[in-house]
C-alpha atoms as a PDB file:
ATOM      1  CA  UNK A   1     121.237  97.052 112.670  1.00  0.00           C
ATOM      2  CA  UNK A   2     122.629  93.644 112.230  1.00  0.00           C
ATOM      3  CA  UNK A   3     123.362  90.814 114.630  1.00  0.00           C
ATOM      4  CA  UNK A   4     125.139  87.549 113.904  1.00  0.00           C
ATOM      5  CA  UNK A   5     123.666  84.433 115.497  1.00  0.00           C
ATOM      6  CA  UNK A   6     127.083  83.202 116.316  1.00  0.00           C
ATOM      7  CA  UNK A   7     128.433  86.254 118.099  1.00  0.00           C
ATOM      8  CA  UNK A   8     125.382  88.219 118.979  1.00  0.00           C
ATOM      9  CA  UNK A   9     127.159  91.415 118.384  1.00  0.00           C
ATOM     10  CA  UNK A  10     125.619  94.209 116.544  1.00  0.00           C
ATOM     11  CA  UNK A  11     127.379  96.352 113.985  1.00  0.00           C
ATOM     12  CA  UNK A  12     127.209  99.773 112.748  1.00  0.00           C
ATOM     13  CA  UNK A  13     124.568 100.990 115.101  1.00  0.00           C
ATOM     14  CA  UNK A  14     126.657 103.391 117.194  1.00  0.00           C
ATOM     15  CA  UNK A  15     127.819 105.429 114.260  1.00  0.00           C
ATOM     16  CA  UNK A  16     124.305 105.853 112.738  1.00  0.00           C
ATOM     17  CA  UNK A  17     121.754 108.551 113.850  1.00  0.00           C
ATOM     18  CA  UNK A  18     118.381 107.172 114.842  1.00  0.00           C
ATOM     19  CA  UNK A  19     116.082 106.180 111.976  1.00  0.00           C
ATOM     20  CA  UNK A  20     113.472 108.749 112.903  1.00  0.00           C
ATOM     21  CA  UNK A  21     116.053 111.687 112.806  1.00  0.00           C
ATOM     22  CA  UNK A  22     117.303 110.658 109.393  1.00  0.00           C
ATOM     23  CA  UNK A  23     113.719 110.425 108.053  1.00  0.00           C
ATOM     24  CA  UNK A  24     112.889 113.862 109.409  1.00  0.00           C
ATOM     25  CA  UNK A  25     116.008 115.456 107.990  1.00  0.00           C
ATOM     26  CA  UNK A  26     115.065 113.905 104.578  1.00  0.00           C
ATOM     27  CA  UNK A  27     111.519 115.203 104.875  1.00  0.00           C
ATOM     28  CA  UNK A  28     112.636 118.744 105.812  1.00  0.00           C
ATOM     29  CA  UNK A  29     115.187 118.712 102.970  1.00  0.00           C
ATOM     30  CA  UNK A  30     112.248 118.116 100.536  1.00  0.00           C
ATOM     31  CA  UNK A  31     110.202 120.725 102.418  1.00  0.00           C
ATOM     32  CA  UNK A  32     107.479 118.403 102.848  1.00  0.00           C
ATOM     33  CA  UNK A  33     105.063 118.532 105.820  1.00  0.00           C
ATOM     34  CA  UNK A  34     104.124 115.527 108.067  1.00  0.00           C
ATOM     35  CA  UNK A  35     100.595 115.664 106.453  1.00  0.00           C
ATOM     36  CA  UNK A  36     102.047 115.481 103.012  1.00  0.00           C
ATOM     37  CA  UNK A  37     104.253 112.511 103.824  1.00  0.00           C
ATOM     38  CA  UNK A  38     101.343 110.778 105.583  1.00  0.00           C
ATOM     39  CA  UNK A  39      98.937 111.277 102.716  1.00  0.00           C
ATOM     40  CA  UNK A  40     101.222 110.147 100.075  1.00  0.00           C
ATOM     41  CA  UNK A  41     102.531 107.042 101.947  1.00  0.00           C
ATOM     42  CA  UNK A  42      99.035 106.057 103.163  1.00  0.00           C
ATOM     43  CA  UNK A  43      99.511 106.504 106.820  1.00  0.00           C
ATOM     44  CA  UNK A  44      98.241 108.791 109.648  1.00  0.00           C
ATOM     45  CA  UNK A  45     100.073 111.914 110.574  1.00  0.00           C
ATOM     46  CA  UNK A  46     100.401 110.548 114.118  1.00  0.00           C
ATOM     47  CA  UNK A  47     102.053 107.328 112.825  1.00  0.00           C
ATOM     48  CA  UNK A  48     104.654 109.458 110.767  1.00  0.00           C
ATOM     49  CA  UNK A  49     105.284 111.714 113.600  1.00  0.00           C
ATOM     50  CA  UNK A  50     105.807 108.719 116.032  1.00  0.00           C
ATOM     51  CA  UNK A  51     108.418 107.380 113.652  1.00  0.00           C
ATOM     52  CA  UNK A  52     110.391 110.631 113.472  1.00  0.00           C
ATOM     53  CA  UNK A  53     110.198 110.845 117.327  1.00  0.00           C
ATOM     54  CA  UNK A  54     111.554 107.386 117.822  1.00  0.00           C
ATOM     55  CA  UNK A  55     108.192 106.384 119.538  1.00  0.00           C
ATOM     56  CA  UNK A  56     107.333 103.799 116.861  1.00  0.00           C
ATOM     57  CA  UNK A  57     109.483 101.521 114.711  1.00  0.00           C
ATOM     58  CA  UNK A  58     107.944 101.076 111.304  1.00  0.00           C
ATOM     59  CA  UNK A  59     107.629  97.520 109.692  1.00  0.00           C
ATOM     60  CA  UNK A  60     109.806  96.829 106.541  1.00  0.00           C
ATOM     61  CA  UNK A  61     106.923  97.435 104.157  1.00  0.00           C
ATOM     62  CA  UNK A  62     105.895 100.696 106.055  1.00  0.00           C
ATOM     63  CA  UNK A  63     109.541 101.921 105.737  1.00  0.00           C
ATOM     64  CA  UNK A  64     109.549 101.171 101.980  1.00  0.00           C
ATOM     65  CA  UNK A  65     106.325 103.182 101.535  1.00  0.00           C
ATOM     66  CA  UNK A  66     107.725 106.212 103.493  1.00  0.00           C
ATOM     67  CA  UNK A  67     111.079 106.093 101.551  1.00  0.00           C
ATOM     68  CA  UNK A  68     109.248 106.071  98.261  1.00  0.00           C
ATOM     69  CA  UNK A  69     107.319 109.072  99.459  1.00  0.00           C
ATOM     70  CA  UNK A  70     110.623 110.786 100.397  1.00  0.00           C
ATOM     71  CA  UNK A  71     112.114 109.792  97.097  1.00  0.00           C
ATOM     72  CA  UNK A  72     115.082 108.113  98.694  1.00  0.00           C
ATOM     73  CA  UNK A  73     116.336 104.454  98.489  1.00  0.00           C
ATOM     74  CA  UNK A  74     115.301 102.425 101.387  1.00  0.00           C
ATOM     75  CA  UNK A  75     118.886 101.207 101.567  1.00  0.00           C
ATOM     76  CA  UNK A  76     119.661 104.670 102.891  1.00  0.00           C
ATOM     77  CA  UNK A  77     117.914 103.836 106.071  1.00  0.00           C
ATOM     78  CA  UNK A  78     118.107 100.068 106.008  1.00  0.00           C
ATOM     79  CA  UNK A  79     120.959  97.784 105.235  1.00  0.00           C
ATOM     80  CA  UNK A  80     119.702  94.307 105.304  1.00  0.00           C
ATOM     81  CA  UNK A  81     122.310  91.574 104.564  1.00  0.00           C
ATOM     82  CA  UNK A  82     122.613  90.371 100.966  1.00  0.00           C
ATOM     83  CA  UNK A  83     121.934  86.650 100.216  1.00  0.00           C
ATOM     84  CA  UNK A  84     123.866  85.768  97.069  1.00  0.00           C
ATOM     85  CA  UNK A  85     123.712  82.042  97.349  1.00  0.00           C
ATOM     86  CA  UNK A  86     120.663  79.672  97.182  1.00  0.00           C
ATOM     87  CA  UNK A  87     121.137  78.492 100.771  1.00  0.00           C
ATOM     88  CA  UNK A  88     121.398  79.923 104.257  1.00  0.00           C
ATOM     89  CA  UNK A  89     122.408  78.247 107.438  1.00  0.00           C
ATOM     90  CA  UNK A  90     120.569  79.054 110.683  1.00  0.00           C
ATOM     91  CA  UNK A  91     123.688  79.389 112.793  1.00  0.00           C
ATOM     92  CA  UNK A  92     125.280  81.894 110.250  1.00  0.00           C
ATOM     93  CA  UNK A  93     122.212  83.786 109.231  1.00  0.00           C
ATOM     94  CA  UNK A  94     122.314  87.397 110.519  1.00  0.00           C
ATOM     95  CA  UNK A  95     119.359  88.926 112.516  1.00  0.00           C
ATOM     96  CA  UNK A  96     118.660  92.558 111.785  1.00  0.00           C
ATOM     97  CA  UNK A  97     116.039  95.131 112.788  1.00  0.00           C
ATOM     98  CA  UNK A  98     115.115  98.757 112.458  1.00  0.00           C
ATOM     99  CA  UNK A  99     115.956  99.738 115.958  1.00  0.00           C
ATOM    100  CA  UNK A 100     113.842  99.978 119.092  1.00  0.00           C
ATOM    101  CA  UNK A 101     114.104  98.982 122.691  1.00  0.00           C
ATOM    102  CA  UNK A 102     115.868  95.642 123.141  1.00  0.00           C
ATOM    103  CA  UNK A 103     113.344  92.832 123.629  1.00  0.00           C
ATOM    104  CA  UNK A 104     110.407  94.969 122.341  1.00  0.00           C
ATOM    105  CA  UNK A 105     111.576  95.465 118.915  1.00  0.00           C
ATOM    106  CA  UNK A 106     110.673  93.225 115.828  1.00  0.00           C
ATOM    107  CA  UNK A 107     113.725  91.412 114.226  1.00  0.00           C
ATOM    108  CA  UNK A 108     114.110  89.688 110.858  1.00  0.00           C
ATOM    109  CA  UNK A 109     116.225  86.973 109.303  1.00  0.00           C
ATOM    110  CA  UNK A 110     116.520  87.283 105.566  1.00  0.00           C
ATOM    111  CA  UNK A 111     115.945  83.996 103.618  1.00  0.00           C
ATOM    112  CA  UNK A 112     115.457  84.808  99.957  1.00  0.00           C
ATOM    113  CA  UNK A 113     118.432  85.344  97.676  1.00  0.00           C
ATOM    114  CA  UNK A 114     119.059  88.214  95.297  1.00  0.00           C
ATOM    115  CA  UNK A 115     119.360  87.477  91.646  1.00  0.00           C
ATOM    116  CA  UNK A 116     118.192  89.059  88.342  1.00  0.00           C
ATOM    117  CA  UNK A 117     114.474  88.493  87.942  1.00  0.00           C
ATOM    118  CA  UNK A 118     113.603  87.117  91.384  1.00  0.00           C
ATOM    119  CA  UNK A 119     110.209  88.406  92.797  1.00  0.00           C
ATOM    120  CA  UNK A 120     109.981  86.698  96.028  1.00  0.00           C
ATOM    121  CA  UNK A 121     111.072  88.415  99.306  1.00  0.00           C
ATOM    122  CA  UNK A 122     111.089  85.955 102.373  1.00  0.00           C
ATOM    123  CA  UNK A 123     112.087  86.558 105.931  1.00  0.00           C
ATOM    124  CA  UNK A 124     111.628  85.036 109.394  1.00  0.00           C
ATOM    125  CA  UNK A 125     109.993  87.578 111.564  1.00  0.00           C
ATOM    126  CA  UNK A 126     110.392  87.510 115.322  1.00  0.00           C
ATOM    127  CA  UNK A 127     107.529  89.611 116.823  1.00  0.00           C
ATOM    128  CA  UNK A 128     107.647  90.425 120.585  1.00  0.00           C
ATOM    129  CA  UNK A 129     104.675  90.068 122.863  1.00  0.00           C
ATOM    130  CA  UNK A 130     102.187  92.942 122.503  1.00  0.00           C
ATOM    131  CA  UNK A 131     103.702  94.295 119.123  1.00  0.00           C
ATOM    132  CA  UNK A 132     101.182  95.652 116.670  1.00  0.00           C
ATOM    133  CA  UNK A 133     101.860  96.779 113.164  1.00  0.00           C
ATOM    134  CA  UNK A 134     100.215  99.730 111.676  1.00  0.00           C
ATOM    135  CA  UNK A 135      97.396  99.036 109.017  1.00  0.00           C
ATOM    136  CA  UNK A 136      98.913  99.100 105.497  1.00  0.00           C
ATOM    137  CA  UNK A 137      98.068  98.477 101.967  1.00  0.00           C
ATOM    138  CA  UNK A 138     100.595  98.040  99.113  1.00  0.00           C
ATOM    139  CA  UNK A 139     101.316  96.305  95.805  1.00  0.00           C
ATOM    140  CA  UNK A 140     101.721  92.513  95.473  1.00  0.00           C
ATOM    141  CA  UNK A 141     100.779  89.532  97.550  1.00  0.00           C
ATOM    142  CA  UNK A 142     102.048  87.871 100.724  1.00  0.00           C
ATOM    143  CA  UNK A 143     101.982  84.759 102.791  1.00  0.00           C
ATOM    144  CA  UNK A 144     102.161  84.422 106.552  1.00  0.00           C
ATOM    145  CA  UNK A 145     103.123  81.050 108.009  1.00  0.00           C
ATOM    146  CA  UNK A 146     103.214  80.828 111.849  1.00  0.00           C
ATOM    147  CA  UNK A 147     106.270  78.827 112.924  1.00  0.00           C
ATOM    148  CA  UNK A 148     106.005  79.448 116.706  1.00  0.00           C
ATOM    149  CA  UNK A 149     103.393  80.987 118.901  1.00  0.00           C
ATOM    150  CA  UNK A 150     100.286  82.845 117.732  1.00  0.00           C
ATOM    151  CA  UNK A 151      99.266  86.070 115.894  1.00  0.00           C
ATOM    152  CA  UNK A 152      96.219  88.084 115.303  1.00  0.00           C
ATOM    153  CA  UNK A 153      95.896  88.982 111.658  1.00  0.00           C
ATOM    154  CA  UNK A 154      93.349  91.481 110.358  1.00  0.00           C
ATOM    155  CA  UNK A 155      92.561  91.921 106.799  1.00  0.00           C
ATOM    156  CA  UNK A 156      89.915  94.503 105.622  1.00  0.00           C
ATOM    157  CA  UNK A 157      88.667  94.598 109.165  1.00  0.00           C
ATOM    158  CA  UNK A 158      88.376  90.864 109.507  1.00  0.00           C
ATOM    159  CA  UNK A 159      90.444  89.574 112.375  1.00  0.00           C
ATOM    160  CA  UNK A 160      91.511  85.866 112.767  1.00  0.00           C
ATOM    161  CA  UNK A 161      93.797  84.135 115.114  1.00  0.00           C
ATOM    162  CA  UNK A 162      96.631  82.082 113.466  1.00  0.00           C
ATOM    163  CA  UNK A 163      98.428  79.515 115.566  1.00  0.00           C
ATOM    164  CA  UNK A 164     101.591  77.555 114.921  1.00  0.00           C
ATOM    165  CA  UNK A 165     101.105  75.655 111.539  1.00  0.00           C
ATOM    166  CA  UNK A 166      98.444  77.980 110.284  1.00  0.00           C
ATOM    167  CA  UNK A 167      98.829  80.216 107.305  1.00  0.00           C
ATOM    168  CA  UNK A 168      97.293  83.186 105.361  1.00  0.00           C
ATOM    169  CA  UNK A 169      97.719  84.271 101.684  1.00  0.00           C
ATOM    170  CA  UNK A 170      96.175  87.385 100.342  1.00  0.00           C
ATOM    171  CA  UNK A 171      96.761  90.411  97.991  1.00  0.00           C
ATOM    172  CA  UNK A 172      98.545  93.098  99.624  1.00  0.00           C
ATOM    173  CA  UNK A 173      96.242  95.814  98.334  1.00  0.00           C
ATOM    174  CA  UNK A 174      93.668  94.641 101.116  1.00  0.00           C
ATOM    175  CA  UNK A 175      94.325  96.675 104.231  1.00  0.00           C
ATOM    176  CA  UNK A 176      96.077  94.493 106.749  1.00  0.00           C
ATOM    177  CA  UNK A 177      97.666  94.683 110.112  1.00  0.00           C
ATOM    178  CA  UNK A 178      98.802  92.204 112.743  1.00  0.00           C
ATOM    179  CA  UNK A 179      99.650  91.910 116.388  1.00  0.00           C
ATOM    180  CA  UNK A 180     101.089  89.407 118.793  1.00  0.00           C
ATOM    181  CA  UNK A 181      98.248  89.226 121.325  1.00  0.00           C
ATOM    182  CA  UNK A 182     100.129  86.631 123.453  1.00  0.00           C
ATOM    183  CA  UNK A 183     102.627  87.054 126.215  1.00  0.00           C
ATOM    184  CA  UNK A 184     105.320  85.060 124.267  1.00  0.00           C
ATOM    185  CA  UNK A 185     107.296  85.909 121.135  1.00  0.00           C
ATOM    186  CA  UNK A 186     105.823  84.870 117.890  1.00  0.00           C
ATOM    187  CA  UNK A 187     107.993  83.550 114.929  1.00  0.00           C
ATOM    188  CA  UNK A 188     106.517  83.866 111.528  1.00  0.00           C
ATOM    189  CA  UNK A 189     107.699  82.933 108.021  1.00  0.00           C
ATOM    190  CA  UNK A 190     106.714  85.949 105.709  1.00  0.00           C
ATOM    191  CA  UNK A 191     106.954  85.704 101.971  1.00  0.00           C
ATOM    192  CA  UNK A 192     105.780  88.762  99.788  1.00  0.00           C
ATOM    193  CA  UNK A 193     106.455  90.235  96.383  1.00  0.00           C
ATOM    194  CA  UNK A 194     107.007  93.799  97.621  1.00  0.00           C
ATOM    195  CA  UNK A 195     110.654  94.784  97.353  1.00  0.00           C
ATOM    196  CA  UNK A 196     111.293  95.142 101.081  1.00  0.00           C
ATOM    197  CA  UNK A 197     115.157  94.643 100.653  1.00  0.00           C
ATOM    198  CA  UNK A 198     115.530  97.431  98.037  1.00  0.00           C
ATOM    199  CA  UNK A 199     116.637  94.770  95.480  1.00  0.00           C
ATOM    200  CA  UNK A 200     114.420  96.303  92.672  1.00  0.00           C
ATOM    201  CA  UNK A 201     111.345  94.101  92.168  1.00  0.00           C
ATOM    202  CA  UNK A 202     108.294  94.332  89.848  1.00  0.00           C
ATOM    203  CA  UNK A 203     104.918  94.805  91.448  1.00  0.00           C
ATOM    204  CA  UNK A 204     102.742  91.722  91.938  1.00  0.00           C
ATOM    205  CA  UNK A 205      99.221  91.244  90.425  1.00  0.00           C
ATOM    206  CA  UNK A 206      96.721  91.375  93.211  1.00  0.00           C
ATOM    207  CA  UNK A 207      93.493  89.359  93.153  1.00  0.00           C
ATOM    208  CA  UNK A 208      90.403  89.527  95.444  1.00  0.00           C
ATOM    209  CA  UNK A 209      91.005  86.233  97.341  1.00  0.00           C
ATOM    210  CA  UNK A 210      92.025  85.650 101.013  1.00  0.00           C
ATOM    211  CA  UNK A 211      93.145  82.081 101.609  1.00  0.00           C
ATOM    212  CA  UNK A 212      93.582  80.843 105.224  1.00  0.00           C
ATOM    213  CA  UNK A 213      94.617  77.253 105.876  1.00  0.00           C
ATOM    214  CA  UNK A 214      94.710  75.565 109.306  1.00  0.00           C
ATOM    215  CA  UNK A 215      97.348  73.204 110.349  1.00  0.00           C
ATOM    216  CA  UNK A 216      95.025  70.485 111.467  1.00  0.00           C
ATOM    217  CA  UNK A 217      92.909  70.605 108.249  1.00  0.00           C
ATOM    218  CA  UNK A 218      95.931  70.557 105.987  1.00  0.00           C
ATOM    219  CA  UNK A 219      97.238  67.484 107.736  1.00  0.00           C
ATOM    220  CA  UNK A 220      93.696  65.794 107.480  1.00  0.00           C
ATOM    221  CA  UNK A 221      93.792  66.473 103.683  1.00  0.00           C
ATOM    222  CA  UNK A 222      97.282  64.846 103.333  1.00  0.00           C
ATOM    223  CA  UNK A 223      96.126  61.741 105.301  1.00  0.00           C
ATOM    224  CA  UNK A 224      93.046  61.387 103.043  1.00  0.00           C
ATOM    225  CA  UNK A 225      95.310  61.743  99.928  1.00  0.00           C
ATOM    226  CA  UNK A 226      93.788  65.083  98.852  1.00  0.00           C
END
């Protein structure tokens, strides 16, 4: 689903069957069980079942993992806007999502362009209050930078609260999940090397580090000339 900032109108949603129905049809066409999809994609059976029944809307990275298991292009289920130029304007940048109840679904704004050899995928994520992503682990690396609100990020079982101006950078092979523990929407700048847009990107080279920076510490370093 895509919505333009200027008009607020969504396009293409009425003619398209729900995401869960399409994923179920593809799984059955491959004669795969829920357990087989869950095992290969790295999720629980319950999570895959909830996606198919429309109870849960997967994140972009989770959808990519499921699509790989189902041997189908993610573009068959997700049609994010293409960015062919180096620049985007806030008022003209489309907002899109994977469905879900209005006001309770995660939505995205694509920032990164598509060109031969690019490896960075960047979005602005609008996460509603109470939303929690499923634990995931995948190739590459990623950065979260909190633009507005707050977020709890858990990496390999270690939870930390990130507030506006805070950031985290870690290899995506580390199991991670996030949730908006507040009563207000949270806005996140997210950059990763996983091909969440279906553009065709190489895998990243993970390391063992987790870097978290706090806004106040970063500003102190700038003031001291560090």
